C-alpha atoms as a PDB file:
ATOM      1  CA  MET A   1      98.850 -83.859 207.056  1.00  0.00           C
ATOM      2  CA  LYS A   2     100.560 -87.159 206.306  1.00  0.00           C
ATOM      3  CA  ILE A   3     104.170 -87.924 207.303  1.00  0.00           C
ATOM      4  CA  VAL A   4     106.091 -90.710 205.569  1.00  0.00           C
ATOM      5  CA  VAL A   5     109.502 -91.562 207.009  1.00  0.00           C
ATOM      6  CA  THR A   6     111.799 -93.773 204.949  1.00  0.00           C
ATOM      7  CA  LYS A   7     114.958 -95.623 205.899  1.00  0.00           C
ATOM      8  CA  ASP A   8     117.151 -93.739 203.425  1.00  0.00           C
ATOM      9  CA  TYR A   9     117.317 -91.255 200.558  1.00  0.00           C
ATOM     10  CA  GLU A  10     116.799 -93.942 197.909  1.00  0.00           C
ATOM     11  CA  SER A  11     113.475 -94.987 199.455  1.00  0.00           C
ATOM     12  CA  LEU A  12     112.440 -91.348 199.762  1.00  0.00           C
ATOM     13  CA  SER A  13     113.145 -90.845 196.056  1.00  0.00           C
ATOM     14  CA  GLU A  14     111.165 -93.961 195.118  1.00  0.00           C
ATOM     15  CA  ILE A  15     108.070 -92.849 197.031  1.00  0.00           C
ATOM     16  CA  ALA A  16     108.198 -89.300 195.674  1.00  0.00           C
ATOM     17  CA  ALA A  17     108.615 -90.611 192.116  1.00  0.00           C
ATOM     18  CA  ALA A  18     105.677 -92.995 192.572  1.00  0.00           C
ATOM     19  CA  MET A  19     103.428 -90.124 193.672  1.00  0.00           C
ATOM     20  CA  VAL A  20     104.420 -88.043 190.644  1.00  0.00           C
ATOM     21  CA  LEU A  21     103.978 -91.000 188.263  1.00  0.00           C
ATOM     22  CA  GLU A  22     100.512 -91.624 189.681  1.00  0.00           C
ATOM     23  CA  LYS A  23      99.515 -88.121 188.567  1.00  0.00           C
ATOM     24  CA  MET A  24     101.280 -88.476 185.212  1.00  0.00           C
ATOM     25  CA  MET A  25      99.195 -91.545 184.355  1.00  0.00           C
ATOM     26  CA  LEU A  26      95.818 -89.824 184.760  1.00  0.00           C
ATOM     27  CA  PRO A  27      93.877 -89.605 181.472  1.00  0.00           C
ATOM     28  CA  GLN A  28      93.079 -85.884 181.713  1.00  0.00           C
ATOM     29  CA  ARG A  29      95.267 -82.778 181.674  1.00  0.00           C
ATOM     30  CA  VAL A  30      97.671 -82.771 184.624  1.00  0.00           C
ATOM     31  CA  ASN A  31      99.506 -79.658 185.824  1.00  0.00           C
ATOM     32  CA  LEU A  32     102.680 -80.396 187.791  1.00  0.00           C
ATOM     33  CA  SER A  33     105.028 -78.037 189.566  1.00  0.00           C
ATOM     34  CA  LEU A  34     108.406 -79.581 190.382  1.00  0.00           C
ATOM     35  CA  THR A  35     111.315 -78.304 192.413  1.00  0.00           C
ATOM     36  CA  ALA A  36     114.931 -77.697 191.534  1.00  0.00           C
ATOM     37  CA  GLY A  37     117.798 -78.418 193.939  1.00  0.00           C
ATOM     38  CA  VAL A  38     119.665 -81.445 195.255  1.00  0.00           C
ATOM     39  CA  THR A  39     116.931 -83.405 197.065  1.00  0.00           C
ATOM     40  CA  PRO A  40     114.850 -84.185 193.946  1.00  0.00           C
ATOM     41  CA  LEU A  41     117.747 -85.551 191.867  1.00  0.00           C
ATOM     42  CA  GLY A  42     117.059 -89.162 192.906  1.00  0.00           C
ATOM     43  CA  MET A  43     113.383 -88.717 192.080  1.00  0.00           C
ATOM     44  CA  TYR A  44     114.201 -87.309 188.640  1.00  0.00           C
ATOM     45  CA  LYS A  45     116.526 -90.207 187.856  1.00  0.00           C
ATOM     46  CA  ILE A  46     113.700 -92.649 188.602  1.00  0.00           C
ATOM     47  CA  LEU A  47     111.145 -90.614 186.630  1.00  0.00           C
ATOM     48  CA  ILE A  48     113.409 -90.472 183.575  1.00  0.00           C
ATOM     49  CA  GLU A  49     113.929 -94.247 183.629  1.00  0.00           C
ATOM     50  CA  ARG A  50     110.274 -95.125 184.296  1.00  0.00           C
ATOM     51  CA  ARG A  51     108.914 -92.784 181.633  1.00  0.00           C
ATOM     52  CA  LYS A  52     111.153 -94.410 179.028  1.00  0.00           C
ATOM     53  CA  ALA A  53     110.257 -97.929 180.170  1.00  0.00           C
ATOM     54  CA  LEU A  54     106.507 -97.243 180.220  1.00  0.00           C
ATOM     55  CA  ARG A  55     106.523 -95.268 176.949  1.00  0.00           C
ATOM     56  CA  MET A  56     103.967 -92.965 178.487  1.00  0.00           C
ATOM     57  CA  ASP A  57     101.858 -90.541 176.506  1.00  0.00           C
ATOM     58  CA  GLN A  58     102.964 -87.196 177.903  1.00  0.00           C
ATOM     59  CA  SER A  59     100.831 -84.890 175.770  1.00  0.00           C
ATOM     60  CA  ASN A  60      98.410 -84.141 178.622  1.00  0.00           C
ATOM     61  CA  ILE A  61     101.090 -83.282 181.209  1.00  0.00           C
ATOM     62  CA  HIS A  62     102.075 -79.645 181.723  1.00  0.00           C
ATOM     63  CA  TYR A  63     104.846 -78.278 183.935  1.00  0.00           C
ATOM     64  CA  TYR A  64     104.694 -74.942 185.737  1.00  0.00           C
ATOM     65  CA  ASN A  65     107.760 -73.500 187.468  1.00  0.00           C
ATOM     66  CA  PHE A  66     107.088 -71.902 190.844  1.00  0.00           C
ATOM     67  CA  ASP A  67     110.096 -69.607 191.252  1.00  0.00           C
ATOM     68  CA  GLU A  68     112.703 -67.943 189.101  1.00  0.00           C
ATOM     69  CA  VAL A  69     115.778 -65.743 189.240  1.00  0.00           C
ATOM     70  CA  PRO A  70     116.656 -63.905 186.019  1.00  0.00           C
ATOM     71  CA  LEU A  71     120.233 -64.400 184.816  1.00  0.00           C
ATOM     72  CA  PRO A  72     120.464 -61.763 182.069  1.00  0.00           C
ATOM     73  CA  LYS A  73     123.713 -63.057 180.558  1.00  0.00           C
ATOM     74  CA  ALA A  74     122.973 -66.794 180.773  1.00  0.00           C
ATOM     75  CA  GLU A  75     121.232 -69.055 178.276  1.00  0.00           C
ATOM     76  CA  SER A  76     118.510 -69.901 180.830  1.00  0.00           C
ATOM     77  CA  ASN A  77     117.289 -68.300 184.006  1.00  0.00           C
ATOM     78  CA  PHE A  78     118.332 -69.942 187.290  1.00  0.00           C
ATOM     79  CA  THR A  79     115.502 -72.366 188.084  1.00  0.00           C
ATOM     80  CA  MET A  80     114.773 -73.219 184.465  1.00  0.00           C
ATOM     81  CA  GLY A  81     118.435 -74.052 183.882  1.00  0.00           C
ATOM     82  CA  ASP A  82     118.501 -76.320 186.937  1.00  0.00           C
ATOM     83  CA  LEU A  83     115.330 -78.165 185.896  1.00  0.00           C
ATOM     84  CA  ASN A  84     116.592 -78.532 182.314  1.00  0.00           C
ATOM     85  CA  GLN A  85     119.777 -80.140 183.560  1.00  0.00           C
ATOM     86  CA  ALA A  86     118.093 -82.398 186.123  1.00  0.00           C
ATOM     87  CA  PHE A  87     114.979 -83.481 184.233  1.00  0.00           C
ATOM     88  CA  TYR A  88     113.545 -81.720 181.187  1.00  0.00           C
ATOM     89  CA  ASN A  89     116.516 -82.236 178.852  1.00  0.00           C
ATOM     90  CA  HIS A  90     116.532 -85.987 179.547  1.00  0.00           C
ATOM     91  CA  THR A  91     112.924 -86.626 178.479  1.00  0.00           C
ATOM     92  CA  ASP A  92     110.732 -86.343 175.401  1.00  0.00           C
ATOM     93  CA  ILE A  93     108.569 -83.626 176.976  1.00  0.00           C
ATOM     94  CA  ASP A  94     107.085 -81.272 174.389  1.00  0.00           C
ATOM     95  CA  ARG A  95     108.661 -77.915 175.235  1.00  0.00           C
ATOM     96  CA  ALA A  96     105.279 -76.286 174.630  1.00  0.00           C
ATOM     97  CA  ASN A  97     104.099 -78.119 177.762  1.00  0.00           C
ATOM     98  CA  ILE A  98     106.759 -76.443 179.927  1.00  0.00           C
ATOM     99  CA  HIS A  99     105.638 -73.094 181.301  1.00  0.00           C
ATOM    100  CA  PRO A 100     108.545 -71.166 182.843  1.00  0.00           C
ATOM    101  CA  LEU A 101     107.581 -68.601 185.446  1.00  0.00           C
ATOM    102  CA  PRO A 102     108.172 -65.259 183.711  1.00  0.00           C
ATOM    103  CA  VAL A 103     110.156 -62.544 185.433  1.00  0.00           C
ATOM    104  CA  ASP A 104     107.582 -60.072 184.079  1.00  0.00           C
ATOM    105  CA  GLY A 105     103.838 -60.596 183.642  1.00  0.00           C
ATOM    106  CA  ILE A 106     103.238 -62.785 186.682  1.00  0.00           C
ATOM    107  CA  GLN A 107      99.571 -61.753 186.876  1.00  0.00           C
ATOM    108  CA  ASP A 108      98.980 -63.147 183.373  1.00  0.00           C
ATOM    109  CA  TYR A 109     100.783 -66.349 184.337  1.00  0.00           C
ATOM    110  CA  GLU A 110      98.601 -66.836 187.417  1.00  0.00           C
ATOM    111  CA  ARG A 111      95.439 -66.117 185.415  1.00  0.00           C
ATOM    112  CA  GLU A 112      96.401 -68.610 182.699  1.00  0.00           C
ATOM    113  CA  LEU A 113      97.241 -71.258 185.291  1.00  0.00           C
ATOM    114  CA  MET A 114      93.877 -70.880 186.988  1.00  0.00           C
ATOM    115  CA  MET A 115      92.062 -71.026 183.628  1.00  0.00           C
ATOM    116  CA  ASN A 116      93.822 -74.348 182.972  1.00  0.00           C
ATOM    117  CA  GLY A 117      92.714 -75.873 186.269  1.00  0.00           C
ATOM    118  CA  GLY A 118      95.492 -74.877 188.695  1.00  0.00           C
ATOM    119  CA  ILE A 119      98.306 -77.076 189.978  1.00  0.00           C
ATOM    120  CA  ASP A 120      97.336 -80.706 190.514  1.00  0.00           C
ATOM    121  CA  LEU A 121     100.553 -81.670 192.322  1.00  0.00           C
ATOM    122  CA  MET A 122     103.397 -79.506 193.580  1.00  0.00           C
ATOM    123  CA  VAL A 123     106.632 -81.078 194.816  1.00  0.00           C
ATOM    124  CA  LEU A 124     108.623 -78.900 197.211  1.00  0.00           C
ATOM    125  CA  GLY A 125     111.861 -79.004 199.122  1.00  0.00           C
ATOM    126  CA  VAL A 126     112.555 -77.174 202.373  1.00  0.00           C
ATOM    127  CA  GLY A 127     115.718 -75.174 202.969  1.00  0.00           C
ATOM    128  CA  ALA A 128     117.735 -75.373 206.165  1.00  0.00           C
ATOM    129  CA  ASP A 129     116.314 -71.957 207.119  1.00  0.00           C
ATOM    130  CA  GLY A 130     112.729 -73.117 206.560  1.00  0.00           C
ATOM    131  CA  HIS A 131     112.179 -71.539 203.147  1.00  0.00           C
ATOM    132  CA  PHE A 132     110.180 -73.091 200.318  1.00  0.00           C
ATOM    133  CA  CYS A 133     110.095 -71.848 196.727  1.00  0.00           C
ATOM    134  CA  ALA A 134     111.750 -68.456 197.258  1.00  0.00           C
ATOM    135  CA  ASN A 135     109.754 -67.710 200.397  1.00  0.00           C
ATOM    136  CA  MET A 136     112.673 -66.786 202.606  1.00  0.00           C
ATOM    137  CA  PRO A 137     112.424 -65.856 206.296  1.00  0.00           C
ATOM    138  CA  GLY A 138     112.091 -62.096 206.530  1.00  0.00           C
ATOM    139  CA  PHE A 139     111.075 -61.659 202.877  1.00  0.00           C
ATOM    140  CA  THR A 140     107.590 -63.150 202.645  1.00  0.00           C
ATOM    141  CA  SER A 141     104.228 -63.159 204.343  1.00  0.00           C
ATOM    142  CA  PHE A 142     101.524 -65.779 204.367  1.00  0.00           C
ATOM    143  CA  ASP A 143      99.071 -63.627 202.342  1.00  0.00           C
ATOM    144  CA  LYS A 144     101.300 -63.459 199.247  1.00  0.00           C
ATOM    145  CA  GLY A 145     100.253 -64.905 195.896  1.00  0.00           C
ATOM    146  CA  ILE A 146     102.818 -64.863 193.084  1.00  0.00           C
ATOM    147  CA  PHE A 147     105.101 -61.955 193.927  1.00  0.00           C
ATOM    148  CA  GLU A 148     108.452 -60.273 193.308  1.00  0.00           C
ATOM    149  CA  ILE A 149     111.328 -59.656 195.714  1.00  0.00           C
ATOM    150  CA  PRO A 150     113.612 -56.821 194.560  1.00  0.00           C
ATOM    151  CA  ILE A 151     117.324 -57.620 194.998  1.00  0.00           C
ATOM    152  CA  ALA A 152     120.586 -55.794 194.317  1.00  0.00           C
ATOM    153  CA  PRO A 153     124.280 -56.211 195.121  1.00  0.00           C
ATOM    154  CA  GLY A 154     124.696 -56.197 198.893  1.00  0.00           C
ATOM    155  CA  HIS A 155     121.158 -57.510 199.434  1.00  0.00           C
ATOM    156  CA  LYS A 156     121.119 -60.713 201.509  1.00  0.00           C
ATOM    157  CA  LEU A 157     119.338 -62.794 198.862  1.00  0.00           C
ATOM    158  CA  TYR A 158     121.541 -61.413 196.075  1.00  0.00           C
ATOM    159  CA  GLU A 159     124.674 -62.432 197.947  1.00  0.00           C
ATOM    160  CA  GLN A 160     123.234 -65.904 198.618  1.00  0.00           C
ATOM    161  CA  LEU A 161     122.559 -66.343 194.899  1.00  0.00           C
ATOM    162  CA  LEU A 162     126.182 -65.537 194.098  1.00  0.00           C
ATOM    163  CA  THR A 163     127.161 -68.697 195.988  1.00  0.00           C
ATOM    164  CA  LEU A 164     124.855 -70.804 193.764  1.00  0.00           C
ATOM    165  CA  THR A 165     125.608 -69.541 190.259  1.00  0.00           C
ATOM    166  CA  PRO A 166     128.605 -67.981 188.482  1.00  0.00           C
ATOM    167  CA  GLU A 167     126.196 -65.669 186.632  1.00  0.00           C
ATOM    168  CA  LEU A 168     125.167 -62.294 188.003  1.00  0.00           C
ATOM    169  CA  PRO A 169     121.472 -62.288 189.002  1.00  0.00           C
ATOM    170  CA  GLY A 170     119.000 -59.721 187.747  1.00  0.00           C
ATOM    171  CA  GLU A 171     117.131 -57.223 189.860  1.00  0.00           C
ATOM    172  CA  LYS A 172     114.447 -59.435 191.393  1.00  0.00           C
ATOM    173  CA  ILE A 173     113.299 -62.909 192.366  1.00  0.00           C
ATOM    174  CA  VAL A 174     109.830 -64.074 191.301  1.00  0.00           C
ATOM    175  CA  THR A 175     108.089 -66.788 193.308  1.00  0.00           C
ATOM    176  CA  PHE A 176     104.834 -68.454 194.229  1.00  0.00           C
ATOM    177  CA  GLY A 177     104.005 -67.148 197.675  1.00  0.00           C
ATOM    178  CA  PRO A 178     102.213 -69.176 200.359  1.00  0.00           C
ATOM    179  CA  ARG A 179      98.724 -68.276 199.127  1.00  0.00           C
ATOM    180  CA  ALA A 180      99.583 -69.427 195.581  1.00  0.00           C
ATOM    181  CA  VAL A 181     101.220 -72.663 196.782  1.00  0.00           C
ATOM    182  CA  LEU A 182      98.289 -73.558 199.032  1.00  0.00           C
ATOM    183  CA  LYS A 183      95.926 -73.338 196.042  1.00  0.00           C
ATOM    184  CA  SER A 184      97.554 -76.511 194.673  1.00  0.00           C
ATOM    185  CA  LYS A 185      95.335 -79.562 194.923  1.00  0.00           C
ATOM    186  CA  GLN A 186      98.109 -81.718 196.434  1.00  0.00           C
ATOM    187  CA  LEU A 187     101.523 -81.015 197.963  1.00  0.00           C
ATOM    188  CA  VAL A 188     104.488 -83.326 198.410  1.00  0.00           C
ATOM    189  CA  VAL A 189     107.214 -81.886 200.652  1.00  0.00           C
ATOM    190  CA  PHE A 190     110.464 -83.790 201.076  1.00  0.00           C
ATOM    191  CA  ALA A 191     113.699 -83.409 202.985  1.00  0.00           C
ATOM    192  CA  SER A 192     116.759 -85.602 203.396  1.00  0.00           C
ATOM    193  CA  GLY A 193     119.746 -85.800 205.710  1.00  0.00           C
ATOM    194  CA  ALA A 194     120.673 -84.907 209.268  1.00  0.00           C
ATOM    195  CA  GLY A 195     121.197 -81.293 208.257  1.00  0.00           C
ATOM    196  CA  LYS A 196     117.427 -80.935 207.812  1.00  0.00           C
ATOM    197  CA  ALA A 197     116.417 -82.587 211.114  1.00  0.00           C
ATOM    198  CA  GLU A 198     116.172 -79.428 213.209  1.00  0.00           C
ATOM    199  CA  ILE A 199     114.237 -77.394 210.659  1.00  0.00           C
ATOM    200  CA  MET A 200     111.837 -80.220 209.829  1.00  0.00           C
ATOM    201  CA  GLN A 201     111.012 -80.634 213.511  1.00  0.00           C
ATOM    202  CA  LYS A 202     110.093 -76.934 213.572  1.00  0.00           C
ATOM    203  CA  VAL A 203     108.156 -77.136 210.292  1.00  0.00           C
ATOM    204  CA  ILE A 204     106.062 -80.121 211.395  1.00  0.00           C
ATOM    205  CA  SER A 205     105.809 -79.699 215.185  1.00  0.00           C
ATOM    206  CA  GLY A 206     106.600 -76.058 215.951  1.00  0.00           C
ATOM    207  CA  PRO A 207     104.412 -72.951 215.735  1.00  0.00           C
ATOM    208  CA  ILE A 208     103.131 -71.815 212.354  1.00  0.00           C
ATOM    209  CA  THR A 209     105.090 -68.639 211.822  1.00  0.00           C
ATOM    210  CA  GLU A 210     106.481 -66.516 209.009  1.00  0.00           C
ATOM    211  CA  ASP A 211     109.880 -66.935 210.674  1.00  0.00           C
ATOM    212  CA  ILE A 212     109.685 -70.566 209.464  1.00  0.00           C
ATOM    213  CA  PRO A 213     107.836 -70.077 206.160  1.00  0.00           C
ATOM    214  CA  ALA A 214     107.428 -73.801 205.409  1.00  0.00           C
ATOM    215  CA  SER A 215     105.423 -74.246 208.635  1.00  0.00           C
ATOM    216  CA  ILE A 216     102.367 -72.959 206.724  1.00  0.00           C
ATOM    217  CA  LEU A 217     102.499 -75.995 204.409  1.00  0.00           C
ATOM    218  CA  ARG A 218     101.109 -78.311 207.066  1.00  0.00           C
ATOM    219  CA  THR A 219      97.795 -76.420 206.923  1.00  0.00           C
ATOM    220  CA  HIS A 220      97.154 -77.754 203.424  1.00  0.00           C
ATOM    221  CA  PRO A 221      94.331 -80.354 203.407  1.00  0.00           C
ATOM    222  CA  ASN A 222      96.292 -82.763 201.166  1.00  0.00           C
ATOM    223  CA  VAL A 223      99.977 -82.519 202.051  1.00  0.00           C
ATOM    224  CA  THR A 224     102.446 -85.389 202.429  1.00  0.00           C
ATOM    225  CA  PHE A 225     105.827 -84.870 204.060  1.00  0.00           C
ATOM    226  CA  ILE A 226     108.378 -87.462 202.930  1.00  0.00           C
ATOM    227  CA  LEU A 227     111.486 -87.561 205.126  1.00  0.00           C
ATOM    228  CA  ASP A 228     114.324 -89.999 205.399  1.00  0.00           C
ATOM    229  CA  GLU A 229     115.229 -91.297 208.835  1.00  0.00           C
ATOM    230  CA  ALA A 230     117.973 -88.720 209.348  1.00  0.00           C
ATOM    231  CA  ALA A 231     115.728 -85.749 208.508  1.00  0.00           C
ATOM    232  CA  ALA A 232     112.981 -87.076 210.813  1.00  0.00           C
ATOM    233  CA  ALA A 233     115.289 -87.801 213.767  1.00  0.00           C
ATOM    234  CA  LEU A 234     113.846 -85.057 216.000  1.00  0.00           C
ATOM    235  CA  ILE A 235     110.170 -85.678 215.244  1.00  0.00           C
ATOM    236  CA  ASP A 236     108.280 -87.752 217.806  1.00  0.00           C
ATOM    237  CA  ASP A 237     105.999 -90.700 217.101  1.00  0.00           C
ATOM    238  CA  VAL A 238     106.773 -91.473 213.471  1.00  0.00           C
ATOM    239  CA  ASN A 239     107.042 -94.905 211.905  1.00  0.00           C
ATOM    240  CA  ILE A 240     109.868 -95.715 209.511  1.00  0.00           C
ATOM    241  CA  ILE A 241     109.030 -97.666 206.360  1.00  0.00           C
END
């Protein structure tokens, strides 16, 4: 486990973007899995600018989404729509190289991914409750691969989704579980802001427990946590760069 603590969000975004670009520039096929949400927006801005400036050949880079919520009446499902808006729609990525996580047929998706070499780099955020992907406290276990969580009106996760999208969600969430995430060759986990300080202290220094799902990520043999100074405020013995 490696912990990188930066002075601010801008530095965090620069380091995360550099790690993704390093993978993008490899000469062979590269399978990336990138996160939606607020924290990666700075990273995506840098990636969009650098890709244009470098005029990179992107034909060998493939993108695999690691969670999804169906939105039956929307143009795109939840995660795919977020990633389109933040990154995909602002690049020259061949859409055939983007592999949305299907809401049905997840076993075929996992089999195809493994046949193509698995995930080379997965970039993850951590929620204030300790979730990653859609591995929410109380709804996952560490032995899960890619799995479904049934939801319906009145269900806790369904009601949370209503605060994030004006569209009505479908009947389930599909996500990479801990076992599927830990198969990735490399993980980058980032968090920013004082609001993440308490949970990141638990993730990095507390017990490994399903009550804090992201705590399992520190068992990966090649994981880097990138935190800004505010998010790392409660973690002992870290150096700020």
